[in-house]
Amino acid sequence: MLEKFYSTPNVKSLFRSFILARRSRVEITHKTYFQVAALAVLSLRANCPPQLQDRQGWLRFIYCMCTFVFQLKQDGKAFDRTLKWGESYPYAFPLWFGPFICLFNIHHPDYVKTLFESTGEGLLVSQGQKWFRHRRLLTPGFHFDVLKPYINLMSDSTKTMLDKLEKYASGNESFELFEPVSLMSLDTILKCAFSDNSNCQAESGRNTYIQAVYDLSNLISLRLRMFPYHSDFLFYISPHGFRFRKARRVAYRHTGKSLKRLQKKHINKWHLHKTACVHFFLHFCLLSHLQDEKQQGLADEDIRAEVDTFMFEGHDTTASGLSFILYSLACHPEHQKLCREEILQTLDGKDTFAWEDLSKMPYTTMCIKESLRLYPPVPATSRVTTKPMTFCDGRTLPKGCHLLASVFGIHRNAAIWENPHVFDPLRFLPENVSKRPPHAFVPFGAGPRNCIGQNFAMNELKVATALTLKRYQLIEDPTQNGDLTLYQERTLKVQPLRPSDLSACSINSTFLSSNYLLLSIDSLQLPPTQPL
């Protein structure tokens, strides 16, 4: 019905006139705005799951719009708000984005186990058999033997970053941490994945690709929070939609250039096998030659989608995770001191890491995991049910429901973690881990769709953390106040280490909260025996 409505000449004419008016900056009447908004409402209404449509109506519409406006305040308390709701609804609760879009927020390990262990276009969002085939083709590129040579490349990129930080240490200056860490992680993924010595850390000004990724992340979050932007058309014609497309072009252009350079460099297959360090993206970028048992490789379009996924996930999430790790250690000097002692003992005077050294830093690894628990780089993942889903307690969700696995909520669930907001690396002692559900700690996801690059990421986090603590003492800037977002925006000070400086200095520890995701809730208390 709605498709026929959109295809009528009058509706086509309205959309065409609106776009032309926007492009030519002609004044648009209120009547036209109202007509376009009405079409957006009809579109969203049609996309509402049929099981929820009986709950819609004008009173419901007005209520949800008011809730949407007042709940989505940019006050830095969004995660605090969701944690509070989680105390009342210990397994899951529905989140309404306006009156039409409902996400079921899951924040308990028993529920998320059902979600993560179910199987279903990049590895982040592919569905069904397409995802399965892509995963099978890519997995050999992440074998431990393939990852070993990357340790030296990771060390080189980290040392370049640490050299740049020397100016802050010598001047006793505070600095914002995320940007240099992001450049370092981008440099690492370019070297390891593309065999590309880009020298991006030596560039003056902000890297255009990093800025594009940052803009895309913010605009996606903004679109989720703003009800009118749920319409593809309204978002497309908006200034934010223009910025989104511009940033997307920059990101695509960057990955396209890197891919072409690598393809030219390794166009000779014999040279590929003669390369001293076989990079996993050599498998990846030549996937047109890789075939499964049905003699089918990946199409150029699929290769490009996976390149974009790896470029984004390979640097942005790692940069976010490392920023919070370093900041957490700055806020807790007693743990920083223990990590440094362990690192110095492990390296025993060496300047670089060997593969075997990574397993000799158990306390540093526990600190890294505790930071990932408190500040997961990917705070939530989403799914759509393709068939009815039944959870461990018998509750069910129908086909077509949108699910949100709140990694942040799971990691701070008071029913699972004692004092969940406290930084305590000893939670990850083997005897303590065995007492928790397997899905209580899922920074890289779990089940068949877990992060394919999690070993690569953990190795990079260990190398970068260890080399940073070996060279510098991290000090929290006491002049900085306010909340901490899941994109690092607080500042630090670094101080060169001398033999007499191995004892940590006294700094203030502050409780940190986040404002990354802003949500609207429609609270429903349901008996355990009824469907969600």
Protein backbone atom coordinates (compact mmCIF):
# COMPACT_ATOMS: atom_id res chain seq x y z
CA MET A 1 0.00 0.00 0.00
CA LEU A 2 2.71 2.44 1.04
CA GLU A 3 4.90 1.51 -1.96
CA LYS A 4 2.01 2.36 -4.30
CA PHE A 5 1.55 5.61 -2.41
CA TYR A 6 5.20 6.60 -2.89
CA SER A 7 5.09 5.71 -6.60
CA THR A 8 2.14 7.97 -7.45
CA PRO A 9 2.95 10.98 -9.69
CA ASN A 10 1.91 13.57 -7.08
CA VAL A 11 4.22 12.14 -4.40
CA LYS A 12 7.11 11.82 -6.85
CA SER A 13 6.57 15.42 -7.91
CA LEU A 14 6.55 16.58 -4.28
CA PHE A 15 9.86 14.90 -3.48
CA ARG A 16 11.46 16.11 -6.71
CA SER A 17 10.36 19.70 -6.09
CA PHE A 18 11.58 19.59 -2.51
CA ILE A 19 15.05 18.37 -3.50
CA LEU A 20 15.38 20.94 -6.29
CA ALA A 21 14.27 23.72 -3.95
CA ARG A 22 16.85 22.68 -1.37
CA ARG A 23 19.62 22.59 -3.98
CA SER A 24 18.72 25.99 -5.42
CA ARG A 25 18.11 27.48 -1.96
CA VAL A 26 14.58 28.51 -2.88
CA GLU A 27 12.29 29.32 0.03
CA ILE A 28 10.09 26.33 0.90
CA THR A 29 6.56 26.86 2.20
CA HIS A 30 5.34 25.49 5.50
CA LYS A 31 2.81 23.42 3.59
CA THR A 32 5.57 21.57 1.75
CA TYR A 33 7.48 20.91 4.97
CA PHE A 34 4.29 19.55 6.53
CA GLN A 35 3.63 17.27 3.55
CA VAL A 36 7.17 15.88 3.62
CA ALA A 37 6.99 15.35 7.38
CA ALA A 38 3.67 13.53 6.96
CA LEU A 39 5.28 11.19 4.42
CA ALA A 40 8.13 10.50 6.84
CA VAL A 41 5.64 9.64 9.60
CA LEU A 42 3.77 7.27 7.26
CA SER A 43 7.04 5.62 6.27
CA LEU A 44 8.11 5.05 9.86
CA ARG A 45 4.64 3.88 10.81
CA ALA A 46 4.73 1.26 8.04
CA ASN A 47 8.10 -0.04 9.25
CA CYS A 48 6.86 -0.59 12.80
CA PRO A 49 6.75 -4.34 13.68
CA PRO A 50 3.18 -5.63 13.34
CA GLN A 51 3.25 -6.97 16.90
CA LEU A 52 3.68 -3.41 18.18
CA GLN A 53 1.33 -1.54 15.88
CA ASP A 54 -1.66 -2.00 18.17
CA ARG A 55 0.16 0.14 20.74
CA GLN A 56 0.33 3.12 18.41
CA GLY A 57 -2.12 6.02 18.26
CA TRP A 58 -2.14 9.79 18.53
CA LEU A 59 -2.04 9.76 22.33
CA ARG A 60 0.83 7.31 22.14
CA PHE A 61 2.49 9.48 19.48
CA ILE A 62 2.26 12.63 21.63
CA TYR A 63 3.48 10.81 24.73
CA CYS A 64 6.47 9.29 22.98
CA MET A 65 7.43 12.55 21.30
CA CYS A 66 7.41 14.32 24.68
CA THR A 67 9.39 11.46 26.21
CA PHE A 68 11.81 11.56 23.29
CA VAL A 69 12.44 15.29 23.73
CA PHE A 70 12.92 15.25 27.49
CA GLN A 71 14.78 11.94 27.84
CA LEU A 72 17.30 12.69 25.10
CA LYS A 73 18.87 15.62 26.87
CA GLN A 74 22.56 16.15 26.18
CA ASP A 75 23.36 16.18 29.88
CA GLY A 76 26.05 13.50 29.97
CA LYS A 77 23.83 11.17 32.01
CA ALA A 78 22.60 8.79 29.32
CA PHE A 79 24.52 5.74 30.49
CA ASP A 80 23.74 6.54 34.11
CA ARG A 81 20.09 6.62 33.07
CA THR A 82 20.22 3.24 31.32
CA LEU A 83 22.04 1.68 34.29
CA LYS A 84 19.31 2.97 36.60
CA TRP A 85 16.65 1.44 34.36
CA GLY A 86 18.62 -1.79 34.40
CA GLU A 87 18.31 -1.95 38.18
CA SER A 88 14.52 -2.09 37.82
CA TYR A 89 14.58 -4.46 34.84
CA PRO A 90 17.51 -6.83 35.46
CA TYR A 91 17.41 -8.68 32.13
CA ALA A 92 15.99 -6.39 29.43
CA PHE A 93 13.70 -3.45 28.80
CA PRO A 94 12.22 -1.76 25.70
CA LEU A 95 13.66 1.53 24.46
CA TRP A 96 11.46 3.67 22.25
CA PHE A 97 13.04 6.00 19.70
CA GLY A 98 10.03 8.13 18.97
CA PRO A 99 6.70 6.34 18.62
CA PHE A 100 7.69 3.86 15.93
CA ILE A 101 11.12 2.35 16.56
CA CYS A 102 11.56 0.07 19.55
CA LEU A 103 14.81 -1.56 20.66
CA PHE A 104 14.88 -4.24 23.31
CA ASN A 105 17.90 -3.41 25.45
CA ILE A 106 19.54 -6.59 26.79
CA HIS A 107 22.01 -6.20 29.64
CA HIS A 108 22.28 -9.61 31.32
CA PRO A 109 24.76 -12.38 30.34
CA ASP A 110 22.10 -15.12 30.29
CA TYR A 111 20.00 -13.21 27.78
CA VAL A 112 22.89 -12.04 25.64
CA LYS A 113 24.14 -15.62 25.39
CA THR A 114 20.99 -16.51 23.46
CA LEU A 115 21.54 -13.53 21.19
CA PHE A 116 25.27 -13.96 20.54
CA GLU A 117 25.13 -17.70 19.95
CA SER A 118 22.52 -17.37 17.23
CA THR A 119 23.89 -17.18 13.68
CA GLY A 120 22.46 -15.28 10.98
CA GLU A 121 27.22 -7.11 4.41
CA GLY A 122 31.16 -6.46 6.03
CA LEU A 123 31.60 -8.84 8.85
CA LEU A 124 29.91 -6.35 11.17
CA VAL A 125 26.51 -6.49 9.54
CA SER A 126 26.42 -9.42 7.09
CA GLN A 127 23.55 -11.85 7.22
CA GLY A 128 23.17 -15.61 6.91
CA GLN A 129 25.17 -17.57 4.37
CA LYS A 130 26.95 -14.47 3.07
CA TRP A 131 28.42 -13.78 6.50
CA PHE A 132 29.33 -17.44 7.00
CA ARG A 133 31.26 -17.64 3.71
CA HIS A 134 33.08 -14.35 4.28
CA ARG A 135 34.09 -15.41 7.78
CA ARG A 136 35.41 -18.75 6.58
CA LEU A 137 37.52 -17.11 3.87
CA LEU A 138 38.98 -14.48 6.21
CA THR A 139 39.68 -16.54 9.34
CA PRO A 140 43.02 -18.04 8.16
CA GLY A 141 44.43 -14.52 7.91
CA PHE A 142 44.21 -14.17 11.70
CA HIS A 143 46.07 -17.31 12.66
CA PHE A 144 48.68 -16.85 15.38
CA ASP A 145 51.51 -17.60 12.95
CA VAL A 146 50.29 -14.76 10.72
CA LEU A 147 50.00 -12.34 13.66
CA LYS A 148 53.50 -12.90 15.05
CA PRO A 149 55.41 -10.62 12.62
CA TYR A 150 53.13 -7.70 13.44
CA ILE A 151 54.60 -7.19 16.90
CA ASN A 152 57.61 -5.30 15.52
CA LEU A 153 55.37 -3.12 13.35
CA MET A 154 53.17 -2.32 16.35
CA SER A 155 56.26 -1.41 18.36
CA ASP A 156 57.52 0.92 15.63
CA SER A 157 54.21 2.79 15.42
CA THR A 158 54.01 3.11 19.20
CA LYS A 159 57.56 4.46 19.42
CA THR A 160 56.72 7.11 16.83
CA MET A 161 53.78 8.21 18.95
CA LEU A 162 55.89 8.28 22.12
CA ASP A 163 58.51 10.42 20.39
CA LYS A 164 55.78 12.93 19.52
CA LEU A 165 54.64 13.02 23.16
CA GLU A 166 58.11 14.09 24.27
CA LYS A 167 57.24 17.75 23.67
CA TYR A 168 54.41 17.52 26.20
CA ALA A 169 56.61 15.78 28.75
CA SER A 170 59.43 18.31 28.45
CA GLY A 171 57.01 21.22 28.78
CA ASN A 172 54.91 19.64 31.53
CA GLU A 173 51.83 20.22 29.35
CA SER A 174 48.46 18.51 29.44
CA PHE A 175 47.25 17.10 26.14
CA GLU A 176 44.17 15.44 24.69
CA LEU A 177 44.96 11.76 24.35
CA PHE A 178 42.66 10.40 21.66
CA GLU A 179 44.16 12.10 18.60
CA PRO A 180 47.79 10.86 18.89
CA VAL A 181 46.57 7.41 19.89
CA SER A 182 44.19 7.34 16.93
CA LEU A 183 47.00 8.27 14.53
CA MET A 184 49.16 5.55 16.01
CA SER A 185 46.47 2.89 15.59
CA LEU A 186 45.80 4.06 12.02
CA ASP A 187 49.53 3.86 11.28
CA THR A 188 49.58 0.33 12.70
CA ILE A 189 46.64 -0.94 10.65
CA LEU A 190 48.10 0.61 7.48
CA LYS A 191 51.44 -1.11 8.06
CA CYS A 192 50.03 -4.46 9.09
CA ALA A 193 47.01 -4.67 6.85
CA PHE A 194 48.12 -2.76 3.76
CA SER A 195 51.93 -2.93 3.96
CA ASP A 196 51.72 0.85 3.65
CA ASN A 197 54.24 3.15 5.34
CA SER A 198 51.96 6.15 5.21
CA ASN A 199 53.81 8.33 7.75
CA CYS A 200 50.39 9.54 8.86
CA GLN A 201 51.76 10.31 12.34
CA ALA A 202 54.12 12.89 10.86
CA GLU A 203 51.32 14.84 9.18
CA SER A 204 50.53 18.33 10.42
CA GLY A 205 46.93 19.03 11.30
CA ARG A 206 44.23 16.46 11.84
CA ASN A 207 44.20 13.41 9.58
CA THR A 208 41.28 13.65 7.15
CA TYR A 209 40.36 9.97 7.47
CA ILE A 210 40.30 10.08 11.27
CA GLN A 211 38.20 13.24 11.15
CA ALA A 212 35.81 11.53 8.71
CA VAL A 213 35.43 8.49 10.96
CA TYR A 214 34.87 10.75 13.96
CA ASP A 215 32.20 12.72 12.06
CA LEU A 216 30.48 9.56 10.87
CA SER A 217 30.27 8.19 14.40
CA ASN A 218 28.81 11.42 15.76
CA LEU A 219 26.31 11.78 12.91
CA ILE A 220 25.08 8.20 13.27
CA SER A 221 24.51 8.81 16.97
CA LEU A 222 22.79 12.12 16.19
CA ARG A 223 20.51 10.46 13.65
CA LEU A 224 19.49 7.85 16.19
CA ARG A 225 18.58 10.51 18.75
CA MET A 226 16.64 12.83 16.41
CA PHE A 227 13.22 11.47 15.50
CA PRO A 228 12.86 13.32 12.13
CA TYR A 229 16.18 11.87 10.96
CA HIS A 230 14.76 8.35 11.21
CA SER A 231 13.36 9.11 7.76
CA ASP A 232 15.99 8.46 5.08
CA PHE A 233 14.58 11.27 2.98
CA LEU A 234 14.61 13.93 5.72
CA PHE A 235 18.11 12.95 6.75
CA TYR A 236 19.27 13.05 3.12
CA ILE A 237 18.09 16.63 2.55
CA SER A 238 19.33 17.91 5.93
CA PRO A 239 22.70 19.63 6.55
CA HIS A 240 23.70 16.68 8.71
CA GLY A 241 22.92 14.32 5.85
CA PHE A 242 25.18 16.37 3.59
CA ARG A 243 27.99 16.18 6.17
CA PHE A 244 27.44 12.44 6.49
CA ARG A 245 27.79 11.85 2.74
CA LYS A 246 30.85 14.09 2.58
CA ALA A 247 32.57 12.22 5.44
CA ARG A 248 31.62 8.89 3.88
CA ARG A 249 33.22 9.91 0.57
CA VAL A 250 36.43 10.83 2.39
CA ALA A 251 36.50 7.47 4.18
CA TYR A 252 35.78 5.52 0.98
CA ARG A 253 38.43 7.47 -0.93
CA HIS A 254 41.04 6.70 1.73
CA THR A 255 40.40 2.96 1.84
CA GLY A 256 40.16 2.84 -1.95
CA LYS A 257 43.60 4.40 -2.36
CA SER A 258 45.13 2.07 0.22
CA LEU A 259 43.60 -0.96 -1.48
CA LYS A 260 44.85 0.09 -4.93
CA ARG A 261 48.38 0.66 -3.61
CA LEU A 262 48.43 -2.81 -2.10
CA GLN A 263 47.02 -4.47 -5.20
CA LYS A 264 49.68 -2.80 -7.38
CA LYS A 265 52.45 -3.71 -4.97
CA HIS A 266 51.49 -7.38 -4.88
CA ILE A 267 50.10 -7.90 -8.35
CA ASN A 268 52.68 -10.65 -8.84
CA LYS A 269 51.53 -13.70 -6.86
CA TRP A 270 55.06 -15.12 -6.75
CA HIS A 271 56.31 -11.93 -5.11
CA LEU A 272 53.49 -12.22 -2.61
CA HIS A 273 54.79 -15.56 -1.34
CA LYS A 274 58.36 -14.26 -1.25
CA THR A 275 57.46 -11.36 1.04
CA ALA A 276 59.21 -11.67 4.39
CA CYS A 277 56.17 -10.62 6.42
CA VAL A 278 52.95 -12.10 5.05
CA HIS A 279 50.19 -9.67 5.98
CA PHE A 280 46.67 -10.87 6.55
CA PHE A 281 45.32 -8.28 4.15
CA LEU A 282 47.36 -9.89 1.40
CA HIS A 283 44.92 -12.75 1.73
CA PHE A 284 42.16 -10.24 2.07
CA CYS A 285 42.86 -7.88 -0.79
CA LEU A 286 43.44 -10.72 -3.20
CA LEU A 287 40.26 -12.50 -2.20
CA SER A 288 39.17 -12.44 -5.81
CA HIS A 289 41.71 -15.29 -6.14
CA LEU A 290 40.60 -17.05 -2.96
CA GLN A 291 37.94 -19.68 -3.42
CA ASP A 292 35.90 -21.95 -1.21
CA GLU A 293 35.03 -25.55 -1.97
CA LYS A 294 32.47 -24.31 -4.52
CA GLN A 295 35.22 -22.43 -6.39
CA GLN A 296 33.70 -19.08 -5.44
CA GLY A 297 35.70 -16.09 -4.23
CA LEU A 298 34.52 -12.65 -3.16
CA ALA A 299 33.26 -10.09 -5.62
CA ASP A 300 34.96 -6.69 -5.89
CA GLU A 301 32.02 -5.09 -4.09
CA ASP A 302 32.36 -7.53 -1.19
CA ILE A 303 36.10 -6.90 -0.97
CA ARG A 304 35.53 -3.16 -0.79
CA ALA A 305 32.94 -3.58 1.98
CA GLU A 306 35.34 -5.67 4.04
CA VAL A 307 38.20 -3.22 3.46
CA ASP A 308 36.03 -0.40 4.83
CA THR A 309 35.09 -2.56 7.82
CA PHE A 310 38.69 -3.42 8.64
CA MET A 311 39.92 0.13 8.24
CA PHE A 312 37.25 1.47 10.57
CA GLU A 313 37.33 -1.32 13.16
CA GLY A 314 41.08 -1.75 12.87
CA HIS A 315 41.90 1.72 14.12
CA ASP A 316 38.93 3.50 15.71
CA THR A 317 37.90 0.96 18.34
CA THR A 318 41.52 0.17 19.21
CA ALA A 319 42.27 3.87 19.64
CA SER A 320 39.26 4.30 21.91
CA GLY A 321 40.21 1.26 23.98
CA LEU A 322 43.86 2.31 24.37
CA SER A 323 42.88 5.87 25.31
CA PHE A 324 40.75 4.60 28.18
CA ILE A 325 43.40 2.12 29.28
CA LEU A 326 46.03 4.84 29.60
CA TYR A 327 43.56 7.18 31.27
CA SER A 328 42.48 4.51 33.75
CA LEU A 329 46.10 3.85 34.70
CA ALA A 330 46.69 7.58 35.13
CA CYS A 331 43.74 7.71 37.51
CA HIS A 332 45.03 4.71 39.48
CA PRO A 333 48.78 5.17 40.02
CA GLU A 334 49.05 2.14 42.29
CA HIS A 335 48.05 -0.14 39.41
CA GLN A 336 50.23 1.82 36.99
CA LYS A 337 53.22 1.18 39.24
CA LEU A 338 52.60 -2.58 39.38
CA CYS A 339 52.19 -2.74 35.61
CA ARG A 340 55.43 -0.85 35.05
CA GLU A 341 57.38 -3.16 37.34
CA GLU A 342 56.01 -6.19 35.51
CA ILE A 343 56.82 -4.68 32.10
CA LEU A 344 60.39 -3.77 33.04
CA GLN A 345 60.94 -7.27 34.36
CA THR A 346 59.50 -8.81 31.20
CA LEU A 347 61.54 -6.71 28.77
CA ASP A 348 64.72 -7.00 30.86
CA GLY A 349 66.40 -4.04 29.16
CA LYS A 350 65.04 -4.67 25.66
CA ASP A 351 63.46 -1.84 23.64
CA THR A 352 61.07 -3.97 21.61
CA PHE A 353 58.69 -6.84 22.22
CA ALA A 354 58.95 -10.43 21.13
CA TRP A 355 55.89 -12.60 20.60
CA GLU A 356 56.72 -14.63 23.71
CA ASP A 357 56.75 -11.50 25.91
CA LEU A 358 53.02 -10.89 25.48
CA SER A 359 52.13 -13.83 27.71
CA LYS A 360 54.49 -12.70 30.49
CA MET A 361 52.43 -9.68 31.61
CA PRO A 362 49.41 -11.11 33.46
CA TYR A 363 48.80 -8.08 35.69
CA THR A 364 49.02 -5.63 32.79
CA THR A 365 46.60 -7.83 30.85
CA MET A 366 44.17 -7.76 33.77
CA CYS A 367 44.34 -3.95 33.87
CA ILE A 368 43.65 -3.81 30.13
CA LYS A 369 40.63 -6.09 30.52
CA GLU A 370 39.29 -4.08 33.45
CA SER A 371 39.47 -0.88 31.42
CA LEU A 372 37.69 -2.63 28.54
CA ARG A 373 35.03 -3.70 31.02
CA LEU A 374 34.40 -0.18 32.30
CA TYR A 375 34.76 1.55 28.92
CA PRO A 376 34.04 -0.91 26.09
CA PRO A 377 35.06 0.59 22.70
CA VAL A 378 31.86 -0.84 21.21
CA PRO A 379 29.26 -0.09 23.92
CA ALA A 380 26.42 -1.92 22.16
CA THR A 381 25.66 -4.16 19.21
CA SER A 382 22.33 -4.66 17.48
CA ARG A 383 20.46 -7.52 15.83
CA VAL A 384 17.09 -8.07 14.18
CA THR A 385 15.23 -11.31 14.86
CA THR A 386 14.57 -13.32 11.70
CA LYS A 387 12.44 -15.81 13.64
CA PRO A 388 10.92 -15.93 17.14
CA MET A 389 13.61 -16.02 19.84
CA THR A 390 13.13 -17.70 23.23
CA PHE A 391 15.36 -16.76 26.16
CA CYS A 392 16.54 -18.86 29.08
CA ASP A 393 13.55 -18.03 31.31
CA GLY A 394 10.94 -18.81 28.67
CA ARG A 395 10.23 -15.25 27.52
CA THR A 396 9.97 -14.83 23.77
CA LEU A 397 10.38 -12.13 21.17
CA PRO A 398 8.60 -12.29 17.80
CA LYS A 399 10.17 -12.09 14.38
CA GLY A 400 11.15 -8.59 13.24
CA CYS A 401 12.15 -7.17 16.62
CA HIS A 402 15.23 -4.97 16.99
CA LEU A 403 17.58 -6.04 19.78
CA LEU A 404 20.35 -4.04 21.41
CA ALA A 405 22.99 -5.98 23.33
CA SER A 406 24.25 -3.37 25.80
CA VAL A 407 27.88 -4.31 26.38
CA PHE A 408 28.18 -1.31 28.70
CA GLY A 409 25.17 -2.49 30.71
CA ILE A 410 26.40 -6.08 30.93
CA HIS A 411 29.83 -4.97 32.12
CA ARG A 412 28.29 -2.85 34.89
CA ASN A 413 25.44 -5.13 35.89
CA ALA A 414 25.46 -5.10 39.70
CA ALA A 415 23.92 -8.58 39.76
CA ILE A 416 27.08 -9.94 38.10
CA TRP A 417 29.87 -7.60 39.19
CA GLU A 418 30.56 -6.56 42.77
CA ASN A 419 31.10 -2.79 42.99
CA PRO A 420 30.77 -2.56 39.19
CA HIS A 421 31.93 1.06 38.89
CA VAL A 422 35.24 0.47 40.70
CA PHE A 423 38.47 -0.16 38.77
CA ASP A 424 39.65 -3.53 40.12
CA PRO A 425 41.93 -5.62 37.85
CA LEU A 426 41.81 -8.56 40.28
CA ARG A 427 38.36 -9.37 38.92
CA PHE A 428 40.21 -11.14 36.12
CA LEU A 429 42.18 -13.55 38.26
CA PRO A 430 41.38 -17.06 36.99
CA GLU A 431 39.60 -18.04 40.19
CA ASN A 432 37.35 -14.97 39.96
CA VAL A 433 36.63 -15.41 36.25
CA SER A 434 35.42 -18.97 36.85
CA LYS A 435 32.70 -17.69 39.20
CA ARG A 436 31.04 -15.51 36.54
CA PRO A 437 28.85 -16.45 33.56
CA PRO A 438 30.86 -16.87 30.34
CA HIS A 439 29.15 -13.88 28.71
CA ALA A 440 29.70 -11.45 31.59
CA PHE A 441 32.71 -9.92 29.77
CA VAL A 442 32.13 -9.41 26.05
CA PRO A 443 34.15 -6.41 24.75
CA PHE A 444 34.73 -8.31 21.50
CA GLY A 445 31.34 -9.97 21.36
CA ALA A 446 30.90 -13.73 21.72
CA GLY A 447 29.74 -16.76 19.81
CA PRO A 448 30.14 -17.21 16.05
CA ARG A 449 29.98 -13.46 15.40
CA ASN A 450 32.70 -12.44 17.81
CA CYS A 451 35.33 -9.98 16.61
CA ILE A 452 37.53 -11.74 14.07
CA GLY A 453 40.42 -9.39 14.91
CA GLN A 454 40.29 -9.58 18.71
CA ASN A 455 43.70 -11.26 19.05
CA PHE A 456 45.25 -8.62 16.80
CA ALA A 457 43.61 -5.87 18.88
CA MET A 458 44.67 -7.33 22.23
CA ASN A 459 48.26 -7.69 21.02
CA GLU A 460 48.30 -4.06 19.91
CA LEU A 461 46.83 -2.89 23.24
CA LYS A 462 49.46 -4.84 25.19
CA VAL A 463 52.38 -3.57 23.11
CA ALA A 464 51.27 0.07 23.16
CA THR A 465 50.44 0.06 26.88
CA ALA A 466 53.70 -1.60 27.84
CA LEU A 467 55.96 0.65 25.77
CA THR A 468 54.14 3.75 27.00
CA LEU A 469 54.53 2.79 30.67
CA LYS A 470 58.16 1.83 30.09
CA ARG A 471 58.93 5.33 28.88
CA TYR A 472 56.48 7.66 30.63
CA GLN A 473 54.60 8.13 33.84
CA LEU A 474 50.95 8.97 33.19
CA ILE A 475 49.40 11.70 35.32
CA GLU A 476 45.77 12.75 35.37
CA ASP A 477 45.25 16.46 34.79
CA PRO A 478 43.59 17.64 38.04
CA THR A 479 42.25 20.80 36.38
CA GLN A 480 39.92 18.82 34.13
CA ASN A 481 36.37 18.46 35.40
CA GLY A 482 33.19 17.04 33.91
CA ASP A 483 32.07 13.75 32.45
CA LEU A 484 34.11 11.44 30.29
CA THR A 485 32.57 10.28 27.04
CA LEU A 486 33.26 7.02 25.24
CA TYR A 487 35.37 9.10 22.90
CA GLN A 488 38.32 10.20 24.98
CA GLU A 489 38.12 13.94 25.60
CA ARG A 490 39.96 14.31 28.88
CA THR A 491 43.60 15.39 29.05
CA LEU A 492 46.68 13.81 30.58
CA LYS A 493 50.20 14.75 31.45
CA VAL A 494 53.19 12.54 30.68
CA GLN A 495 56.48 12.62 32.51
CA PRO A 496 59.70 10.90 31.37
CA LEU A 497 60.79 8.09 33.67
CA ARG A 498 64.07 8.14 35.52
CA PRO A 499 65.40 5.49 37.91
CA SER A 500 64.19 7.60 40.84
CA ASP A 501 60.71 8.03 39.34
CA LEU A 502 59.49 4.45 39.50
CA SER A 503 57.20 5.23 42.43
CA ALA A 504 53.84 6.61 41.35
CA CYS A 505 52.92 10.15 42.27
CA SER A 506 49.74 11.05 44.12
CA ILE A 507 46.85 12.10 41.90
CA ASN A 508 43.14 12.52 42.40
CA SER A 509 40.86 9.72 41.24
CA THR A 510 37.48 10.77 39.94
CA PHE A 511 34.38 8.81 39.05
CA LEU A 512 33.79 8.93 35.31
CA SER A 513 30.50 8.66 33.47
CA SER A 514 29.55 8.75 29.80
CA ASN A 515 27.16 10.49 27.43
CA TYR A 516 27.77 8.50 24.25
CA LEU A 517 24.30 7.02 23.75
CA LEU A 518 21.08 8.85 24.55
CA LEU A 519 17.89 6.86 24.78
CA SER A 520 14.17 7.12 25.45
CA ILE A 521 12.48 4.44 27.52
CA ASP A 522 8.98 3.09 27.70
CA SER A 523 9.11 1.04 30.91
CA LEU A 524 7.18 -2.21 30.92
CA GLN A 525 7.10 -4.61 33.85
CA LEU A 526 6.30 -8.06 32.48
CA PRO A 527 5.58 -11.30 34.34
CA PRO A 528 8.29 -13.92 33.75
CA THR A 529 5.79 -16.29 32.13
CA GLN A 530 4.67 -13.87 29.40
CA PRO A 531 6.43 -12.87 26.18
CA LEU A 532 8.55 -9.72 26.22
